Protein backbone atom coordinates (compact mmCIF):
# COMPACT_ATOMS: atom_id res chain seq x y z
CA MET A 1 0.00 0.00 0.00
CA ARG A 2 1.34 3.43 -0.84
CA ARG A 3 0.85 6.43 1.40
CA HIS A 4 0.90 9.70 -0.50
CA ARG A 5 1.11 12.44 2.06
CA ARG A 6 3.23 12.77 5.14
CA GLY A 7 3.14 15.20 8.01
CA THR A 8 4.13 15.89 11.56
CA ARG A 9 1.95 14.72 14.36
CA PRO A 10 1.01 17.35 16.98
CA GLU A 11 3.44 17.34 19.87
CA GLY A 12 2.19 15.22 22.75
CA ALA A 13 -0.53 13.55 20.72
CA GLY A 14 1.32 10.26 20.56
CA GLY A 15 4.70 8.59 20.73
CA SER A 16 5.30 8.40 24.49
CA ASP A 17 3.65 7.14 27.61
CA SER A 18 2.68 10.68 28.57
CA ARG A 19 0.13 10.69 25.75
CA GLY A 20 -3.27 11.74 26.94
CA ALA A 21 -6.42 13.74 26.57
CA ASP A 22 -4.96 16.78 28.35
CA THR A 23 -2.82 17.66 25.29
CA GLY A 24 -4.37 20.83 23.89
CA ALA A 25 -8.11 21.32 23.55
CA ALA A 26 -9.89 17.97 23.43
CA VAL A 27 -11.36 17.02 20.06
CA ILE A 28 -13.96 14.82 21.80
CA SER A 29 -15.22 15.59 25.29
CA VAL A 30 -17.85 13.36 26.91
CA GLU A 31 -19.26 13.72 30.43
CA ASP A 32 -21.66 11.34 32.15
CA LEU A 33 -22.98 9.96 28.85
CA ARG A 34 -26.06 7.78 29.28
CA VAL A 35 -28.14 5.90 26.71
CA ARG A 36 -31.09 3.60 27.35
CA TYR A 37 -32.89 1.95 24.48
CA ARG A 38 -36.67 1.85 24.48
CA GLY A 39 -38.10 -1.29 26.04
CA THR A 40 -35.02 -2.04 28.17
CA ASP A 41 -34.56 -1.62 31.91
CA ALA A 42 -30.81 -0.92 31.95
CA ASP A 43 -28.57 1.71 30.39
CA ALA A 44 -26.61 0.60 27.32
CA VAL A 45 -24.18 3.40 28.19
CA ASP A 46 -24.00 4.07 31.90
CA GLY A 47 -22.31 7.33 32.83
CA MET A 48 -19.21 7.35 30.57
CA THR A 49 -16.75 10.24 30.86
CA PHE A 50 -13.66 10.59 28.66
CA ALA A 51 -11.79 12.97 26.36
CA VAL A 52 -9.74 12.46 23.21
CA ALA A 53 -6.76 14.67 22.32
CA PRO A 54 -5.90 16.05 18.89
CA GLY A 55 -4.06 13.52 16.74
CA GLU A 56 -4.68 10.70 19.21
CA VAL A 57 -5.72 7.18 18.28
CA PHE A 58 -8.18 6.41 21.07
CA GLY A 59 -9.52 2.88 21.35
CA PHE A 60 -12.73 1.56 22.88
CA LEU A 61 -11.93 -2.04 23.74
CA GLY A 62 -14.57 -4.46 24.98
CA PRO A 63 -16.83 -7.40 24.18
CA SER A 64 -19.92 -7.25 22.01
CA GLY A 65 -22.77 -5.51 23.80
CA ALA A 66 -20.48 -3.43 26.02
CA GLY A 67 -21.76 -0.12 24.62
CA LYS A 68 -18.92 0.66 22.20
CA SER A 69 -21.05 1.00 19.06
CA THR A 70 -23.70 2.98 20.92
CA VAL A 71 -21.10 5.59 21.85
CA GLN A 72 -19.98 5.74 18.22
CA ARG A 73 -23.59 6.26 17.12
CA VAL A 74 -23.92 9.16 19.55
CA LEU A 75 -20.66 10.77 18.44
CA THR A 76 -21.52 10.42 14.73
CA ARG A 77 -24.97 11.92 15.41
CA LEU A 78 -26.83 8.81 14.32
CA LEU A 79 -28.34 8.54 17.80
CA ARG A 80 -29.78 11.76 19.21
CA GLY A 81 -31.46 10.48 22.37
CA TYR A 82 -28.90 10.49 25.18
CA GLY A 83 -28.21 11.99 28.57
CA GLY A 84 -25.11 13.83 29.75
CA ARG A 85 -22.88 16.05 27.63
CA ALA A 86 -20.94 15.36 24.45
CA SER A 87 -18.91 17.91 22.51
CA VAL A 88 -16.77 17.56 19.38
CA PHE A 89 -14.36 20.26 18.17
CA GLY A 90 -15.43 22.32 21.17
CA ARG A 91 -19.11 22.43 20.17
CA PRO A 92 -21.96 20.41 21.72
CA LEU A 93 -23.20 17.74 19.34
CA ASP A 94 -26.74 19.10 19.29
CA ARG A 95 -25.44 22.44 17.94
CA TRP A 96 -23.86 20.91 14.86
CA GLY A 97 -25.63 20.78 11.52
CA ALA A 98 -24.81 19.13 8.21
CA ASP A 99 -21.37 20.76 8.28
CA TYR A 100 -20.39 18.24 10.96
CA HIS A 101 -20.06 15.50 8.33
CA GLU A 102 -17.63 17.66 6.36
CA ARG A 103 -15.17 17.23 9.23
CA ILE A 104 -15.63 13.57 10.20
CA GLY A 105 -15.03 10.31 8.37
CA VAL A 106 -16.87 7.12 9.30
CA GLY A 107 -15.89 3.53 8.58
CA PHE A 108 -18.22 1.10 10.33
CA GLU A 109 -17.77 -2.66 10.57
CA LEU A 110 -20.46 -3.43 7.97
CA PRO A 111 -19.12 -1.90 4.73
CA VAL A 112 -21.49 0.18 2.61
CA ALA A 113 -21.02 0.46 -1.15
CA PHE A 114 -22.92 0.47 -4.43
CA GLY A 115 -22.48 -3.11 -5.60
CA LYS A 116 -23.19 -2.49 -9.28
CA LEU A 117 -20.58 0.28 -9.47
CA THR A 118 -16.83 -0.20 -9.68
CA ALA A 119 -14.51 0.71 -6.83
CA ALA A 120 -13.46 3.87 -8.64
CA GLU A 121 -17.08 4.84 -9.37
CA ASN A 122 -18.00 4.32 -5.72
CA LEU A 123 -15.31 6.72 -4.52
CA ALA A 124 -16.13 9.27 -7.23
CA ALA A 125 -19.77 9.23 -6.11
CA VAL A 126 -18.74 9.77 -2.49
CA ALA A 127 -16.46 12.66 -3.44
CA HIS A 128 -19.45 14.59 -4.84
CA LEU A 129 -21.08 14.60 -1.41
CA TYR A 130 -18.47 16.95 0.09
CA ARG A 131 -17.84 20.66 -0.35
CA ARG A 132 -14.23 20.42 0.84
CA PRO A 133 -11.52 19.13 -1.54
CA THR A 134 -11.25 15.36 -1.81
CA ARG A 135 -8.36 13.07 -2.60
CA PRO A 136 -7.90 11.71 -6.12
CA VAL A 137 -9.68 8.37 -6.54
CA GLY A 138 -6.53 6.60 -7.74
CA GLU A 139 -4.60 7.79 -4.69
CA LEU A 140 -7.28 6.45 -2.36
CA LEU A 141 -7.40 3.07 -4.06
CA ASP A 142 -3.61 2.73 -3.98
CA LEU A 143 -3.68 3.68 -0.30
CA VAL A 144 -5.74 0.58 0.53
CA ASP A 145 -4.21 -1.74 -2.08
CA LEU A 146 -7.20 -1.69 -4.41
CA GLY A 147 -5.57 0.06 -7.36
CA ALA A 148 -5.63 -3.12 -9.44
CA ALA A 149 -9.36 -3.52 -8.70
CA ALA A 150 -10.35 0.05 -9.60
CA ASP A 151 -12.55 -1.01 -12.52
CA ARG A 152 -14.07 -4.09 -10.91
CA ARG A 153 -17.67 -4.05 -9.70
CA VAL A 154 -17.88 -4.07 -5.92
CA ASP A 155 -20.48 -6.85 -5.79
CA GLY A 156 -17.63 -9.23 -6.68
CA PHE A 157 -15.37 -8.06 -3.86
CA SER A 158 -14.45 -10.17 -0.85
CA LYS A 159 -15.26 -8.89 2.63
CA GLY A 160 -11.67 -7.80 3.12
CA MET A 161 -11.72 -5.77 -0.11
CA ARG A 162 -15.02 -4.16 0.86
CA MET A 163 -13.57 -3.21 4.25
CA ARG A 164 -10.57 -1.59 2.57
CA LEU A 165 -12.87 0.30 0.23
CA ASN A 166 -14.82 1.39 3.29
CA LEU A 167 -11.68 2.92 4.78
CA ALA A 168 -10.85 4.67 1.52
CA ARG A 169 -14.36 6.13 1.49
CA ALA A 170 -13.94 7.40 5.06
CA LEU A 171 -10.66 9.09 4.12
CA ALA A 172 -11.87 10.60 0.84
CA HIS A 173 -12.35 14.15 2.17
CA ARG A 174 -9.33 14.24 4.52
CA PRO A 175 -11.44 14.29 7.71
CA ASP A 176 -10.24 15.94 10.92
CA LEU A 177 -11.82 13.15 12.99
CA LEU A 178 -12.06 9.53 11.92
CA PHE A 179 -14.47 7.00 13.44
CA LEU A 180 -13.54 3.37 12.77
CA ASP A 181 -15.23 0.15 13.84
CA GLU A 182 -13.08 -3.02 13.56
CA PRO A 183 -10.95 -1.51 10.76
CA THR A 184 -8.90 -4.69 10.20
CA GLY A 185 -11.90 -7.02 10.03
CA GLY A 186 -11.72 -9.60 7.24
CA GLN A 187 -8.05 -8.89 6.49
CA ASP A 188 -5.14 -11.28 6.19
CA PRO A 189 -2.14 -10.43 8.43
CA VAL A 190 -0.33 -8.49 5.68
CA HIS A 191 -3.30 -6.27 4.85
CA ALA A 192 -4.19 -5.84 8.53
CA ALA A 193 -0.69 -4.52 9.25
CA ALA A 194 -0.84 -2.23 6.22
CA LEU A 195 -4.22 -0.80 7.27
CA ARG A 196 -2.84 -0.10 10.73
CA ASP A 197 -0.02 1.82 9.04
CA VAL A 198 -2.53 3.84 7.03
CA VAL A 199 -4.47 4.81 10.16
CA ARG A 200 -1.28 5.59 12.06
CA ASP A 201 -0.07 7.84 9.22
CA GLU A 202 -3.36 9.74 9.30
CA ALA A 203 -2.90 10.32 13.02
CA ARG A 204 0.69 11.51 12.53
CA GLN A 205 -0.67 14.14 10.17
CA GLY A 206 -3.08 15.38 12.84
CA THR A 207 -6.24 13.36 12.23
CA THR A 208 -7.86 12.23 15.47
CA VAL A 209 -9.04 8.61 15.44
CA PHE A 210 -11.78 7.07 17.58
CA LEU A 211 -11.65 3.30 17.15
CA THR A 212 -13.89 0.57 18.54
CA THR A 213 -12.69 -3.01 18.57
CA HIS A 214 -12.55 -6.28 20.46
CA ASP A 215 -9.29 -7.17 18.70
CA MET A 216 -6.49 -6.93 21.26
CA ALA A 217 -3.74 -6.94 18.61
CA THR A 218 -5.23 -3.94 16.80
CA ALA A 219 -5.72 -2.04 20.06
CA ASP A 220 -2.22 -2.84 21.28
CA ARG A 221 -0.40 -1.96 18.07
CA LEU A 222 -2.46 1.01 16.95
CA CYS A 223 -3.89 2.92 19.91
CA ASP A 224 -2.20 5.63 21.95
CA ARG A 225 -4.70 4.98 24.73
CA VAL A 226 -7.44 2.43 25.20
CA ALA A 227 -10.57 2.49 27.32
CA PHE A 228 -11.70 -0.87 28.70
CA VAL A 229 -15.47 -0.93 28.25
CA VAL A 230 -17.72 -3.42 30.04
CA GLU A 231 -21.49 -3.32 30.58
CA GLY A 232 -21.84 0.28 29.45
CA ARG A 233 -19.07 1.64 31.66
CA ILE A 234 -15.40 2.51 31.31
CA ALA A 235 -13.38 0.37 33.71
CA ALA A 236 -9.98 1.98 33.02
CA VAL A 237 -8.14 4.17 30.51
CA ASP A 238 -4.40 4.20 29.78
CA ALA A 239 -1.75 3.59 27.13
CA PRO A 240 -1.42 -0.10 26.21
CA ARG A 241 2.24 -0.18 27.29
CA ALA A 242 1.45 1.49 30.61
CA PHE A 243 -1.27 -1.10 31.26
CA LYS A 244 1.11 -3.96 30.52
CA LEU A 245 3.91 -2.59 32.67
CA ARG A 246 1.59 -1.91 35.58
CA TYR A 247 0.01 -5.35 35.62
CA GLY A 248 2.95 -7.43 34.42
CA ARG A 249 5.65 -9.15 36.45
CA PRO A 250 9.02 -7.71 35.40
CA GLY A 251 11.29 -10.57 34.47
CA VAL A 252 12.04 -13.21 31.87
CA ARG A 253 11.02 -16.77 31.11
CA VAL A 254 13.88 -18.99 29.93
CA GLU A 255 13.17 -22.23 28.04
CA TYR A 256 16.02 -24.73 27.97
CA ARG A 257 16.86 -28.41 27.39
CA ALA A 258 17.69 -30.52 30.43
CA GLY A 259 18.16 -34.27 30.12
CA GLY A 260 16.60 -34.26 26.68
CA ARG A 261 13.41 -32.58 27.99
CA LEU A 262 12.24 -29.01 27.39
CA ASP A 263 11.91 -27.09 30.66
CA SER A 264 11.34 -23.45 31.63
CA ARG A 265 12.14 -21.11 34.45
CA ASP A 266 10.77 -17.68 35.41
CA VAL A 267 13.26 -15.20 36.83
CA SER A 268 12.41 -11.72 38.12
CA LEU A 269 14.57 -8.82 36.98
CA ASP A 270 16.03 -8.18 40.43
CA ALA A 271 17.08 -11.84 40.66
CA LEU A 272 18.81 -12.09 37.29
CA ALA A 273 22.19 -10.95 38.63
CA ALA A 274 21.99 -13.53 41.42
CA ALA A 275 21.23 -16.48 39.14
CA PRO A 276 24.65 -17.80 38.04
CA ASP A 277 23.13 -21.11 36.99
CA LEU A 278 21.39 -19.27 34.14
CA ALA A 279 24.79 -18.22 32.86
CA ASP A 280 25.80 -21.88 32.89
CA LEU A 281 22.70 -22.76 30.83
CA PHE A 282 23.56 -20.10 28.26
CA ALA A 283 27.21 -21.13 28.17
CA GLY A 284 26.26 -24.76 27.65
CA GLY A 285 23.94 -23.94 24.73
CA ALA A 286 20.92 -25.39 26.53
CA VAL A 287 18.77 -22.25 26.27
CA GLU A 288 16.31 -22.27 23.36
CA THR A 289 14.17 -19.16 23.99
CA VAL A 290 14.06 -16.15 26.30
CA HIS A 291 10.86 -14.08 26.66
CA THR A 292 9.87 -11.12 28.80
CA ARG A 293 7.02 -11.68 31.23
CA GLU A 294 5.27 -8.46 30.34
CA ALA A 295 1.51 -8.92 30.65
CA SER A 296 -0.45 -9.08 27.41
CA LEU A 297 -3.32 -6.67 26.89
CA ASP A 298 -5.65 -9.68 27.11
CA ASP A 299 -4.27 -10.43 30.58
CA VAL A 300 -4.69 -6.83 31.70
CA PHE A 301 -8.25 -6.62 30.38
CA ALA A 302 -9.20 -9.79 32.23
CA THR A 303 -7.58 -8.53 35.44
CA VAL A 304 -9.11 -5.06 35.35
CA THR A 305 -12.61 -5.99 34.18
CA ARG A 306 -12.82 -9.61 35.42
CA THR A 307 -14.12 -10.35 31.95
CA GLN A 308 -12.65 -12.30 29.05
CA LEU A 309 -12.98 -11.02 25.48
């Protein structure tokens, strides 16, 4: 995939563990957000409060039914009935008009396209919806590795191709704020990694990204901060690395051969210097692998929320 424009990410909006929503004026500010669907006796969103900084990739991580998509529907103005306060670009959502959609891009999990049109025709049609300048169609298709399929009808696309077209559509008008739902869904590992690079490049150029997912790998590799969402509430918010360091056990696990059998040993960092027998294992060529014992994001999520994804 080729990326055509580069830029400098706003200082403090990513790249260190001090990343956070207090960097400049928040692009998204939500206070005590509550949503209850008609005919239910419990809130789908139960008092959420959070903020998203300019140029930040902010992830909502949680199982299906946790309230992630409902929050996205509120923030994209698809759902108007809610309690609490929600502002985007410093303006309450209910004070925005049609101009709001000139500034946001939306790529939901279920891709939307005109099946009887080609990929290029789909993006050309979308471009006519915006007043602001849009990217060239060929550039967008190359960005998501669909250049070779530009003249193919979309009804013959695989799910992965449709998802990539969906992202291209969301990026067509160079939005200031990008909403994505499971952006790597349906992708093989190569395309998933490339799509993460595309999103990360957009953020480096100043685009703020609000991402919902239950994919730990995407959240870990892409997000500056993640919010753990369970049963309509936010259980914790932090950078993925900060979560893993806080809940991990600093040390290493050494796997080695002893008597023809594979064995392992966990050693804490403060005990490494006082473990001369490990040096003997290394010297004797018995060691096969060495891994850090940093907690995975899955482990942290389970610990913090007492829930498995």
